């Protein structure tokens, strides 16, 4: 027996209320997780830079003066300072768009600071859930939090590698586009065997050979040379694996996200039922024998 429009709409309202209630709990879980994540990222980033400077490129690091070594270490610490606020920005309203530029994200953060009423308050503050109206909003919010975390880790890795290049720890002749391609390949499962939070690249370059008598064939005067380059690549999976407490929190989030997924599927189903019921009612209202 088909459900009445009234019954369908009651079920829609119930799911919408569930999503708002669920958001309040999930927001707190994410906040605790992100606060713990920022501490773990700082520790593991410093360890990754230590590996690059002392185990992979010790000769290059030793060429730096004491003053330059101090400045490099201070810069790494400085890059970590805004990490917690950057992460927590993604559980506030309005959320930064995951595809936003760095400038756009900074402007969003400033807007949040200037408009404190948009920042999430206590669980009893209705304004904190005003932008979560249904399971679809909740899914989008979760997606932006997850994507935001990965963007922040990616940008931090790039900034650190840039400092290592400036100090000639990492070869500077490799452009940022090359790192981007390597990271995308790794995310696509095309790279393996890298150390935690580090990426190893094998770069093929052409080296000119001594000129031959017959130089008609230019390609024959070049030979390929393989160069191994290592750099920092903060991976969420590596960070969580190295921190047992963080792993527990991530498992809790996974369970919550699975519940969000089921709620969203139920909401989509009841929305389709509502559309069919409304269409049937519209048909009957205009049908004349």
Protein backbone atom coordinates (compact mmCIF):
# COMPACT_ATOMS: atom_id res chain seq x y z
CA UNK A 1 0.00 0.00 0.00
CA UNK A 2 1.38 3.36 -1.04
CA UNK A 3 2.15 5.87 1.69
CA UNK A 4 0.12 9.03 1.96
CA UNK A 5 1.76 12.37 1.27
CA UNK A 6 1.30 13.26 4.93
CA UNK A 7 3.14 10.11 6.05
CA UNK A 8 5.97 10.69 3.56
CA UNK A 9 6.41 14.28 4.69
CA UNK A 10 6.50 13.19 8.32
CA UNK A 11 9.32 10.79 7.48
CA UNK A 12 11.18 13.58 5.63
CA UNK A 13 10.87 15.88 8.64
CA UNK A 14 12.07 13.10 10.94
CA UNK A 15 15.22 12.52 8.83
CA UNK A 16 15.91 16.25 8.66
CA UNK A 17 15.72 16.52 12.44
CA UNK A 18 17.94 13.45 12.81
CA UNK A 19 20.55 15.04 10.57
CA UNK A 20 20.59 18.22 12.67
CA UNK A 21 20.89 16.25 15.91
CA UNK A 22 23.55 14.01 14.39
CA UNK A 23 25.54 17.02 13.21
CA UNK A 24 25.83 18.36 16.76
CA UNK A 25 27.44 15.11 17.91
CA UNK A 26 29.61 14.67 14.82
CA UNK A 27 30.90 18.23 15.04
CA UNK A 28 32.23 17.61 18.54
CA UNK A 29 33.88 14.35 17.43
CA UNK A 30 35.56 16.10 14.50
CA UNK A 31 36.73 18.97 16.71
CA UNK A 32 38.45 16.58 19.13
CA UNK A 33 39.97 14.68 16.21
CA UNK A 34 41.31 17.80 14.46
CA UNK A 35 42.83 19.16 17.64
CA UNK A 36 44.66 15.87 18.15
CA UNK A 37 45.58 15.71 14.47
CA UNK A 38 47.33 19.08 14.49
CA UNK A 39 49.62 17.97 17.34
CA UNK A 40 50.45 14.71 15.58
CA UNK A 41 51.10 16.46 12.25
CA UNK A 42 53.57 18.85 13.89
CA UNK A 43 55.52 15.99 15.47
CA UNK A 44 55.59 13.86 12.35
CA UNK A 45 56.42 16.76 10.06
CA UNK A 46 59.47 17.60 12.15
CA UNK A 47 60.48 13.93 12.07
CA UNK A 48 60.10 13.85 8.27
CA UNK A 49 62.24 16.98 7.85
CA UNK A 50 64.80 15.50 10.26
CA UNK A 51 64.96 12.37 8.05
CA UNK A 52 65.48 14.47 4.92
CA UNK A 53 68.21 16.61 6.50
CA UNK A 54 70.14 13.95 8.44
CA UNK A 55 69.53 10.64 6.70
CA UNK A 56 68.83 11.40 3.06
CA UNK A 57 70.76 14.62 2.37
CA UNK A 58 73.19 14.99 5.31
CA UNK A 59 75.94 16.49 3.14
CA UNK A 60 73.64 19.26 1.89
CA UNK A 61 72.45 20.03 5.43
CA UNK A 62 76.01 20.20 6.75
CA UNK A 63 76.87 22.82 4.13
CA UNK A 64 74.50 25.24 5.87
CA UNK A 65 75.98 27.56 8.45
CA UNK A 66 74.79 27.28 12.03
CA UNK A 67 72.70 30.41 11.55
CA UNK A 68 71.02 29.06 8.41
CA UNK A 69 70.26 25.75 10.12
CA UNK A 70 68.60 27.66 12.95
CA UNK A 71 66.58 29.76 10.51
CA UNK A 72 65.44 26.68 8.59
CA UNK A 73 64.29 24.96 11.78
CA UNK A 74 62.53 28.13 12.95
CA UNK A 75 60.75 28.41 9.58
CA UNK A 76 59.48 24.84 9.85
CA UNK A 77 58.07 25.60 13.31
CA UNK A 78 56.54 28.81 11.96
CA UNK A 79 54.76 26.94 9.16
CA UNK A 80 53.12 24.73 11.79
CA UNK A 81 51.76 27.58 13.90
CA UNK A 82 48.48 28.22 12.02
CA UNK A 83 47.81 24.52 11.54
CA UNK A 84 45.20 24.08 14.29
CA UNK A 85 43.16 27.12 13.25
CA UNK A 86 43.34 26.06 9.59
CA UNK A 87 42.00 22.60 10.42
CA UNK A 88 39.24 23.89 12.69
CA UNK A 89 38.14 26.35 10.02
CA UNK A 90 36.57 23.44 8.16
CA UNK A 91 34.09 22.67 10.94
CA UNK A 92 32.89 26.28 11.10
CA UNK A 93 30.42 28.16 8.94
CA UNK A 94 30.91 29.20 6.26
CA UNK A 95 33.24 26.36 5.33
CA UNK A 96 36.09 27.16 2.95
CA UNK A 97 35.61 25.58 -0.44
CA UNK A 98 38.10 22.68 -0.89
CA UNK A 99 39.03 24.14 -4.29
CA UNK A 100 39.50 27.67 -2.98
CA UNK A 101 42.85 29.38 -3.46
CA UNK A 102 45.05 30.10 -0.46
CA UNK A 103 44.00 33.78 -0.60
CA UNK A 104 40.32 32.85 -0.66
CA UNK A 105 40.78 30.54 2.31
CA UNK A 106 42.56 33.28 4.28
CA UNK A 107 39.73 35.72 3.52
CA UNK A 108 37.21 33.13 4.67
CA UNK A 109 39.09 32.68 7.92
CA UNK A 110 39.13 36.45 8.47
CA UNK A 111 35.40 36.60 7.81
CA UNK A 112 34.85 33.92 10.42
CA UNK A 113 36.87 35.84 12.98
CA UNK A 114 34.99 39.06 12.24
CA UNK A 115 31.58 37.40 12.30
CA UNK A 116 31.76 35.35 15.43
CA UNK A 117 28.06 34.59 15.30
CA UNK A 118 28.85 32.24 12.39
CA UNK A 119 31.27 30.22 14.46
CA UNK A 120 29.95 27.07 16.05
CA UNK A 121 29.01 27.65 19.64
CA UNK A 122 27.56 25.26 22.21
CA UNK A 123 25.33 22.31 21.46
CA UNK A 124 22.31 24.33 22.67
CA UNK A 125 22.93 27.16 20.19
CA UNK A 126 20.44 26.74 17.32
CA UNK A 127 22.52 29.07 15.12
CA UNK A 128 25.29 26.48 15.06
CA UNK A 129 23.17 24.08 13.02
CA UNK A 130 21.27 26.68 10.97
CA UNK A 131 23.14 25.70 7.81
CA UNK A 132 22.55 21.97 8.28
CA UNK A 133 18.93 21.44 7.24
CA UNK A 134 18.94 17.86 5.95
CA UNK A 135 21.16 14.81 5.31
CA UNK A 136 22.36 16.27 2.01
CA UNK A 137 23.78 19.30 3.83
CA UNK A 138 25.38 16.96 6.36
CA UNK A 139 27.06 14.88 3.63
CA UNK A 140 28.46 18.01 1.98
CA UNK A 141 29.75 19.29 5.32
CA UNK A 142 31.54 15.99 6.02
CA UNK A 143 33.00 15.91 2.52
CA UNK A 144 34.43 19.41 2.88
CA UNK A 145 35.98 18.58 6.25
CA UNK A 146 37.69 15.48 4.84
CA UNK A 147 38.87 17.22 1.67
CA UNK A 148 39.97 20.25 3.68
CA UNK A 149 42.26 18.14 5.88
CA UNK A 150 43.99 16.69 2.84
CA UNK A 151 44.38 20.10 1.21
CA UNK A 152 46.00 21.49 4.35
CA UNK A 153 48.44 18.57 4.58
CA UNK A 154 49.26 18.93 0.89
CA UNK A 155 49.87 22.69 1.13
CA UNK A 156 51.99 22.29 4.26
CA UNK A 157 54.11 19.65 2.53
CA UNK A 158 54.63 21.95 -0.44
CA UNK A 159 55.59 24.89 1.78
CA UNK A 160 58.12 22.78 3.68
CA UNK A 161 59.61 21.40 0.48
CA UNK A 162 59.91 24.95 -0.83
CA UNK A 163 61.97 25.89 2.23
CA UNK A 164 64.15 22.83 1.78
CA UNK A 165 64.71 23.84 -1.84
CA UNK A 166 65.58 27.41 -0.87
CA UNK A 167 68.23 26.04 1.46
CA UNK A 168 69.49 23.65 -1.26
CA UNK A 169 68.67 20.55 0.77
CA UNK A 170 66.39 19.36 -2.01
CA UNK A 171 67.47 19.99 -5.59
CA UNK A 172 65.89 23.26 -6.72
CA UNK A 173 65.80 22.51 -10.45
CA UNK A 174 62.63 20.47 -10.13
CA UNK A 175 59.56 22.72 -10.53
CA UNK A 176 56.45 22.53 -8.30
CA UNK A 177 54.49 21.02 -11.19
CA UNK A 178 56.70 17.95 -10.97
CA UNK A 179 55.83 17.45 -7.30
CA UNK A 180 52.15 17.86 -8.15
CA UNK A 181 52.35 15.15 -10.80
CA UNK A 182 54.17 12.82 -8.43
CA UNK A 183 51.65 13.35 -5.63
CA UNK A 184 48.74 12.75 -7.99
CA UNK A 185 50.38 9.57 -9.23
CA UNK A 186 50.83 8.38 -5.66
CA UNK A 187 47.24 9.17 -4.74
CA UNK A 188 46.21 7.14 -7.76
CA UNK A 189 48.12 4.15 -6.48
CA UNK A 190 50.97 4.42 -8.96
CA UNK A 191 53.73 4.79 -6.37
CA UNK A 192 54.80 2.50 -3.56
CA UNK A 193 57.62 1.82 -1.15
CA UNK A 194 57.92 5.35 0.20
CA UNK A 195 58.85 6.01 3.82
CA UNK A 196 56.23 7.50 6.16
CA UNK A 197 55.42 11.09 5.16
CA UNK A 198 58.16 11.09 2.52
CA UNK A 199 58.00 10.67 -1.23
CA UNK A 200 60.81 9.33 -3.40
CA UNK A 201 60.93 10.26 -7.05
CA UNK A 202 63.03 8.78 -9.82
CA UNK A 203 63.58 11.57 -12.34
CA UNK A 204 64.88 10.88 -15.83
CA UNK A 205 66.92 13.73 -17.31
CA UNK A 206 68.92 14.04 -20.49
CA UNK A 207 72.63 14.66 -20.18
CA UNK A 208 74.63 15.81 -23.18
CA UNK A 209 77.34 13.45 -24.34
CA UNK A 210 80.57 14.50 -25.97
CA UNK A 211 79.91 15.71 -29.49
CA UNK A 212 80.47 13.13 -32.20
CA UNK A 213 81.89 13.72 -35.64
CA UNK A 214 78.53 13.06 -37.20
CA UNK A 215 76.03 15.17 -35.32
CA UNK A 216 73.13 14.82 -37.72
CA UNK A 217 71.19 12.76 -35.21
CA UNK A 218 70.92 15.08 -32.22
CA UNK A 219 69.22 12.52 -29.99
CA UNK A 220 72.29 10.29 -30.11
CA UNK A 221 74.30 13.02 -28.40
CA UNK A 222 72.20 12.71 -25.25
CA UNK A 223 72.01 10.00 -22.65
CA UNK A 224 69.41 9.43 -19.98
CA UNK A 225 70.32 9.94 -16.35
CA UNK A 226 68.16 8.76 -13.45
CA UNK A 227 68.17 10.94 -10.35
CA UNK A 228 66.48 10.03 -7.08
CA UNK A 229 64.81 12.91 -5.26
CA UNK A 230 63.16 12.69 -1.83
CA UNK A 231 60.75 15.21 -0.33
CA UNK A 232 58.18 15.64 2.43
CA UNK A 233 54.70 14.32 1.69
CA UNK A 234 52.39 14.34 4.71
CA UNK A 235 49.92 11.48 4.36
CA UNK A 236 46.86 11.24 6.58
CA UNK A 237 47.15 7.45 6.60
CA UNK A 238 50.78 7.60 7.80
CA UNK A 239 49.96 10.17 10.48
CA UNK A 240 47.04 8.19 11.85
CA UNK A 241 48.92 4.89 11.73
CA UNK A 242 51.75 6.36 13.81
CA UNK A 243 49.39 7.73 16.46
CA UNK A 244 47.27 5.02 18.20
CA UNK A 245 44.91 7.53 19.83
CA UNK A 246 44.36 9.28 16.52
CA UNK A 247 43.64 5.91 14.88
CA UNK A 248 40.93 5.26 17.46
CA UNK A 249 39.36 8.64 16.77
CA UNK A 250 39.50 8.04 13.02
CA UNK A 251 37.73 4.70 13.47
CA UNK A 252 34.99 6.47 15.40
CA UNK A 253 34.64 9.00 12.58
CA UNK A 254 34.43 6.20 10.01
CA UNK A 255 31.55 4.67 11.94
CA UNK A 256 29.79 8.04 12.09
CA UNK A 257 30.31 8.63 8.36
CA UNK A 258 28.78 5.25 7.60
CA UNK A 259 25.69 6.29 9.56
CA UNK A 260 25.60 9.58 7.65
CA UNK A 261 25.75 7.62 4.40
CA UNK A 262 22.79 5.42 5.41
CA UNK A 263 20.81 8.46 6.54
CA UNK A 264 21.50 10.14 3.20
CA UNK A 265 20.40 7.06 1.25
CA UNK A 266 17.16 6.90 3.25
CA UNK A 267 16.59 10.60 2.60
CA UNK A 268 17.12 10.21 -1.14
CA UNK A 269 14.69 7.27 -1.19
CA UNK A 270 11.94 9.11 0.67
CA UNK A 271 12.46 12.18 -1.54
CA UNK A 272 11.83 10.01 -4.61
CA UNK A 273 8.70 8.60 -2.94
CA UNK A 274 7.56 12.14 -2.24
CA UNK A 275 8.11 13.18 -5.86
CA UNK A 276 6.10 10.19 -7.14
CA UNK A 277 3.28 10.83 -4.65
CA UNK A 278 3.11 14.51 -5.60
CA UNK A 279 3.11 13.60 -9.30
CA UNK A 280 0.24 11.15 -8.77
CA UNK A 281 -1.73 13.79 -6.87
CA UNK A 282 -1.04 16.33 -9.63
CA UNK A 283 -2.20 13.86 -12.27
CA UNK A 284 -5.46 13.15 -10.46
CA UNK A 285 -6.13 16.85 -9.91
CA UNK A 286 -5.96 17.64 -13.64
CA UNK A 287 -7.49 14.46 -15.06
CA UNK A 288 -11.02 14.76 -16.43
CA UNK A 289 -13.08 11.88 -17.84
